[in-house]
């Protein structure tokens, strides 16, 4: 797994961006670019991450791209034993570290803030059409790319 990943970090980041530009949401794009490393098919990855796009269900809360790396963190280090306090703590520490990196890179974890929207802005659940204007006014491609790079770098540097 490690050798393949190291040879394909740029490809995986590019795949995440390509998936987003093809119409998948931000979370789906990040998770699907790495899901095979955890034994998941693309379809499974797209389903498990579908609800986190648009700041979780398009509510403009935590950025879906960030949620994508948090979901990957669970696949990587998530505890499956309810009594494993050390395992839970290790996973939470990883998520907090990833969140700090994402926030340092982008200025926020909150979708509404990243999009320049008022925090109380009620948004309809229907996604916008992906047009040139959409991509010109939205930083989402950058968020997907940043999240994918953060995860790729984590995988590259883990010991």
C-alpha atoms as a PDB file:
ATOM      1  CA  UNK A   1       0.000   0.000   0.000  1.00  0.00           C
ATOM      2  CA  UNK A   2       2.693   2.530   0.984  1.00  0.00           C
ATOM      3  CA  UNK A   3       4.729   2.265  -2.238  1.00  0.00           C
ATOM      4  CA  UNK A   4       1.648   2.625  -4.421  1.00  0.00           C
ATOM      5  CA  UNK A   5       0.465   5.599  -2.404  1.00  0.00           C
ATOM      6  CA  UNK A   6       3.822   7.358  -2.505  1.00  0.00           C
ATOM      7  CA  UNK A   7       4.001   6.906  -6.260  1.00  0.00           C
ATOM      8  CA  UNK A   8       0.466   8.248  -6.684  1.00  0.00           C
ATOM      9  CA  UNK A   9       0.029  11.095  -4.198  1.00  0.00           C
ATOM     10  CA  UNK A  10      -0.331  13.702  -6.915  1.00  0.00           C
ATOM     11  CA  UNK A  11      -2.614  11.365  -8.845  1.00  0.00           C
ATOM     12  CA  UNK A  12      -4.871  10.879  -5.803  1.00  0.00           C
ATOM     13  CA  UNK A  13      -5.090  14.621  -5.181  1.00  0.00           C
ATOM     14  CA  UNK A  14      -5.838  15.177  -8.868  1.00  0.00           C
ATOM     15  CA  UNK A  15      -8.459  12.404  -8.725  1.00  0.00           C
ATOM     16  CA  UNK A  16     -10.218  14.125  -5.823  1.00  0.00           C
ATOM     17  CA  UNK A  17     -10.352  17.375  -7.816  1.00  0.00           C
ATOM     18  CA  UNK A  18     -11.519  15.525 -10.931  1.00  0.00           C
ATOM     19  CA  UNK A  19     -14.286  13.781  -8.987  1.00  0.00           C
ATOM     20  CA  UNK A  20     -15.488  17.120  -7.635  1.00  0.00           C
ATOM     21  CA  UNK A  21     -15.429  18.730 -11.064  1.00  0.00           C
ATOM     22  CA  UNK A  22     -17.417  15.789 -12.445  1.00  0.00           C
ATOM     23  CA  UNK A  23     -20.263  16.578 -10.037  1.00  0.00           C
ATOM     24  CA  UNK A  24     -19.583  14.681  -6.814  1.00  0.00           C
ATOM     25  CA  UNK A  25     -19.746  16.679  -3.620  1.00  0.00           C
ATOM     26  CA  UNK A  26     -16.649  17.803  -1.727  1.00  0.00           C
ATOM     27  CA  UNK A  27     -16.720  15.010   0.837  1.00  0.00           C
ATOM     28  CA  UNK A  28     -17.377  12.289  -1.717  1.00  0.00           C
ATOM     29  CA  UNK A  29     -14.491  13.516  -3.839  1.00  0.00           C
ATOM     30  CA  UNK A  30     -11.956  13.331  -1.015  1.00  0.00           C
ATOM     31  CA  UNK A  31     -13.122   9.982   0.371  1.00  0.00           C
ATOM     32  CA  UNK A  32     -13.436   8.269  -3.013  1.00  0.00           C
ATOM     33  CA  UNK A  33      -9.894   9.264  -3.988  1.00  0.00           C
ATOM     34  CA  UNK A  34      -8.492   7.184  -1.094  1.00  0.00           C
ATOM     35  CA  UNK A  35     -11.191   4.604  -0.276  1.00  0.00           C
ATOM     36  CA  UNK A  36      -9.522   1.751  -2.143  1.00  0.00           C
ATOM     37  CA  UNK A  37      -6.665   1.898   0.382  1.00  0.00           C
ATOM     38  CA  UNK A  38      -9.197   0.742   2.985  1.00  0.00           C
ATOM     39  CA  UNK A  39     -10.869  -1.928   0.884  1.00  0.00           C
ATOM     40  CA  UNK A  40     -13.875   0.140  -0.158  1.00  0.00           C
ATOM     41  CA  UNK A  41     -15.165   0.409  -3.703  1.00  0.00           C
ATOM     42  CA  UNK A  42     -15.759   3.816  -5.228  1.00  0.00           C
ATOM     43  CA  UNK A  43     -19.524   3.260  -4.954  1.00  0.00           C
ATOM     44  CA  UNK A  44     -19.241   2.439  -1.244  1.00  0.00           C
ATOM     45  CA  UNK A  45     -17.064   5.494  -0.678  1.00  0.00           C
ATOM     46  CA  UNK A  46     -19.492   7.738  -2.525  1.00  0.00           C
ATOM     47  CA  UNK A  47     -22.417   6.427  -0.489  1.00  0.00           C
ATOM     48  CA  UNK A  48     -20.696   6.647   2.921  1.00  0.00           C
ATOM     49  CA  UNK A  49     -19.623  10.249   2.320  1.00  0.00           C
ATOM     50  CA  UNK A  50     -22.668  11.523   0.402  1.00  0.00           C
ATOM     51  CA  UNK A  51     -24.341  13.231   3.359  1.00  0.00           C
ATOM     52  CA  UNK A  52     -21.366  15.435   4.265  1.00  0.00           C
ATOM     53  CA  UNK A  53     -21.293  17.645   1.153  1.00  0.00           C
ATOM     54  CA  UNK A  54     -22.148  21.329   1.346  1.00  0.00           C
ATOM     55  CA  UNK A  55     -21.110  21.570   4.957  1.00  0.00           C
ATOM     56  CA  UNK A  56     -23.058  18.463   6.009  1.00  0.00           C
ATOM     57  CA  UNK A  57     -26.270  18.111   4.050  1.00  0.00           C
ATOM     58  CA  UNK A  58     -25.799  21.566   2.496  1.00  0.00           C
ATOM     59  CA  UNK A  59     -26.391  23.171   5.890  1.00  0.00           C
ATOM     60  CA  UNK A  60     -23.089  25.078   5.518  1.00  0.00           C
ATOM     61  CA  UNK A  61     -21.646  23.727   8.767  1.00  0.00           C
ATOM     62  CA  UNK A  62     -18.302  21.850   8.803  1.00  0.00           C
ATOM     63  CA  UNK A  63     -16.801  21.825   5.298  1.00  0.00           C
ATOM     64  CA  UNK A  64     -17.519  18.566   3.496  1.00  0.00           C
ATOM     65  CA  UNK A  65     -13.934  18.282   2.259  1.00  0.00           C
ATOM     66  CA  UNK A  66     -12.757  18.454   5.881  1.00  0.00           C
ATOM     67  CA  UNK A  67     -15.426  15.920   6.858  1.00  0.00           C
ATOM     68  CA  UNK A  68     -13.967  13.697   4.139  1.00  0.00           C
ATOM     69  CA  UNK A  69     -10.551  13.607   5.767  1.00  0.00           C
ATOM     70  CA  UNK A  70     -12.173  13.023   9.157  1.00  0.00           C
ATOM     71  CA  UNK A  71     -14.029  10.043   7.699  1.00  0.00           C
ATOM     72  CA  UNK A  72     -10.734   8.747   6.287  1.00  0.00           C
ATOM     73  CA  UNK A  73      -9.157   9.230   9.719  1.00  0.00           C
ATOM     74  CA  UNK A  74     -11.815   6.928  11.124  1.00  0.00           C
ATOM     75  CA  UNK A  75     -11.029   4.318   8.512  1.00  0.00           C
ATOM     76  CA  UNK A  76      -7.343   4.656   9.326  1.00  0.00           C
ATOM     77  CA  UNK A  77      -7.366   4.849  13.131  1.00  0.00           C
ATOM     78  CA  UNK A  78     -10.943   4.506  14.328  1.00  0.00           C
ATOM     79  CA  UNK A  79     -11.477   2.270  17.339  1.00  0.00           C
ATOM     80  CA  UNK A  80     -13.886  -0.644  17.081  1.00  0.00           C
ATOM     81  CA  UNK A  81     -13.757  -1.510  20.778  1.00  0.00           C
ATOM     82  CA  UNK A  82     -16.090   0.637  22.908  1.00  0.00           C
ATOM     83  CA  UNK A  83     -13.727   0.328  25.872  1.00  0.00           C
ATOM     84  CA  UNK A  84     -10.603   1.385  23.947  1.00  0.00           C
ATOM     85  CA  UNK A  85     -10.088   4.838  25.451  1.00  0.00           C
ATOM     86  CA  UNK A  86      -6.521   5.090  24.136  1.00  0.00           C
ATOM     87  CA  UNK A  87      -7.680   4.230  20.611  1.00  0.00           C
ATOM     88  CA  UNK A  88     -10.462   6.792  20.766  1.00  0.00           C
ATOM     89  CA  UNK A  89      -8.047   9.405  22.072  1.00  0.00           C
ATOM     90  CA  UNK A  90      -5.562   8.656  19.291  1.00  0.00           C
ATOM     91  CA  UNK A  91      -8.257   9.020  16.649  1.00  0.00           C
ATOM     92  CA  UNK A  92      -9.556  12.252  18.159  1.00  0.00           C
ATOM     93  CA  UNK A  93      -6.000  13.619  18.290  1.00  0.00           C
ATOM     94  CA  UNK A  94      -5.551  12.800  14.605  1.00  0.00           C
ATOM     95  CA  UNK A  95      -8.851  14.483  13.702  1.00  0.00           C
ATOM     96  CA  UNK A  96      -7.915  17.572  15.716  1.00  0.00           C
ATOM     97  CA  UNK A  97      -4.533  17.719  13.982  1.00  0.00           C
ATOM     98  CA  UNK A  98      -6.128  17.379  10.540  1.00  0.00           C
ATOM     99  CA  UNK A  99      -8.699  20.046  11.432  1.00  0.00           C
ATOM    100  CA  UNK A 100      -5.952  22.422  12.565  1.00  0.00           C
ATOM    101  CA  UNK A 101      -4.068  21.908   9.308  1.00  0.00           C
ATOM    102  CA  UNK A 102      -7.209  22.485   7.237  1.00  0.00           C
ATOM    103  CA  UNK A 103      -8.097  25.602   9.207  1.00  0.00           C
ATOM    104  CA  UNK A 104      -4.546  26.973   8.989  1.00  0.00           C
ATOM    105  CA  UNK A 105      -4.557  26.474   5.231  1.00  0.00           C
ATOM    106  CA  UNK A 106      -8.054  27.833   4.563  1.00  0.00           C
ATOM    107  CA  UNK A 107      -8.906  30.104   7.487  1.00  0.00           C
ATOM    108  CA  UNK A 108     -11.912  28.137   8.683  1.00  0.00           C
ATOM    109  CA  UNK A 109     -13.563  24.742   8.920  1.00  0.00           C
ATOM    110  CA  UNK A 110     -17.037  26.230   8.440  1.00  0.00           C
ATOM    111  CA  UNK A 111     -18.524  25.953   4.950  1.00  0.00           C
ATOM    112  CA  UNK A 112     -20.512  29.205   5.229  1.00  0.00           C
ATOM    113  CA  UNK A 113     -17.373  31.130   6.210  1.00  0.00           C
ATOM    114  CA  UNK A 114     -15.338  29.551   3.407  1.00  0.00           C
ATOM    115  CA  UNK A 115     -18.065  30.550   0.946  1.00  0.00           C
ATOM    116  CA  UNK A 116     -18.403  34.058   2.380  1.00  0.00           C
ATOM    117  CA  UNK A 117     -21.991  33.478   3.486  1.00  0.00           C
ATOM    118  CA  UNK A 118     -23.654  34.706   6.641  1.00  0.00           C
ATOM    119  CA  UNK A 119     -23.574  31.945   9.281  1.00  0.00           C
ATOM    120  CA  UNK A 120     -27.369  31.994   9.636  1.00  0.00           C
ATOM    121  CA  UNK A 121     -27.947  31.848   5.883  1.00  0.00           C
ATOM    122  CA  UNK A 122     -30.610  29.208   5.297  1.00  0.00           C
ATOM    123  CA  UNK A 123     -29.801  27.283   2.155  1.00  0.00           C
ATOM    124  CA  UNK A 124     -32.180  25.083   0.231  1.00  0.00           C
ATOM    125  CA  UNK A 125     -31.173  21.429   0.044  1.00  0.00           C
ATOM    126  CA  UNK A 126     -31.009  21.481  -3.754  1.00  0.00           C
ATOM    127  CA  UNK A 127     -27.424  21.752  -5.041  1.00  0.00           C
ATOM    128  CA  UNK A 128     -26.520  24.400  -7.569  1.00  0.00           C
ATOM    129  CA  UNK A 129     -25.724  23.552 -11.178  1.00  0.00           C
ATOM    130  CA  UNK A 130     -22.002  23.099 -11.797  1.00  0.00           C
ATOM    131  CA  UNK A 131     -21.269  25.849 -14.300  1.00  0.00           C
ATOM    132  CA  UNK A 132     -18.238  28.022 -15.020  1.00  0.00           C
ATOM    133  CA  UNK A 133     -19.862  30.698 -12.821  1.00  0.00           C
ATOM    134  CA  UNK A 134     -20.250  28.178  -9.996  1.00  0.00           C
ATOM    135  CA  UNK A 135     -16.554  27.300 -10.070  1.00  0.00           C
ATOM    136  CA  UNK A 136     -15.547  30.960 -10.415  1.00  0.00           C
ATOM    137  CA  UNK A 137     -17.380  32.013  -7.248  1.00  0.00           C
ATOM    138  CA  UNK A 138     -16.765  28.939  -5.078  1.00  0.00           C
ATOM    139  CA  UNK A 139     -13.504  27.953  -3.392  1.00  0.00           C
ATOM    140  CA  UNK A 140     -14.691  24.335  -3.163  1.00  0.00           C
ATOM    141  CA  UNK A 141     -12.164  22.952  -5.653  1.00  0.00           C
ATOM    142  CA  UNK A 142      -9.399  24.428  -3.495  1.00  0.00           C
ATOM    143  CA  UNK A 143     -10.955  22.916  -0.353  1.00  0.00           C
ATOM    144  CA  UNK A 144     -11.075  19.468  -1.986  1.00  0.00           C
ATOM    145  CA  UNK A 145      -7.496  19.791  -3.194  1.00  0.00           C
ATOM    146  CA  UNK A 146      -6.284  21.007   0.205  1.00  0.00           C
ATOM    147  CA  UNK A 147      -8.062  18.200   2.066  1.00  0.00           C
ATOM    148  CA  UNK A 148      -6.708  15.554  -0.316  1.00  0.00           C
ATOM    149  CA  UNK A 149      -3.169  16.942   0.069  1.00  0.00           C
ATOM    150  CA  UNK A 150      -3.472  16.962   3.858  1.00  0.00           C
ATOM    151  CA  UNK A 151      -4.556  13.321   3.833  1.00  0.00           C
ATOM    152  CA  UNK A 152      -1.927  12.268   1.295  1.00  0.00           C
ATOM    153  CA  UNK A 153       0.776  13.960   3.371  1.00  0.00           C
ATOM    154  CA  UNK A 154      -0.503  12.293   6.532  1.00  0.00           C
ATOM    155  CA  UNK A 155      -0.272   8.882   4.844  1.00  0.00           C
ATOM    156  CA  UNK A 156       3.165   9.642   3.462  1.00  0.00           C
ATOM    157  CA  UNK A 157       4.534  10.759   6.841  1.00  0.00           C
ATOM    158  CA  UNK A 158       2.878   8.329   9.247  1.00  0.00           C
ATOM    159  CA  UNK A 159       5.057   5.867  11.081  1.00  0.00           C
END
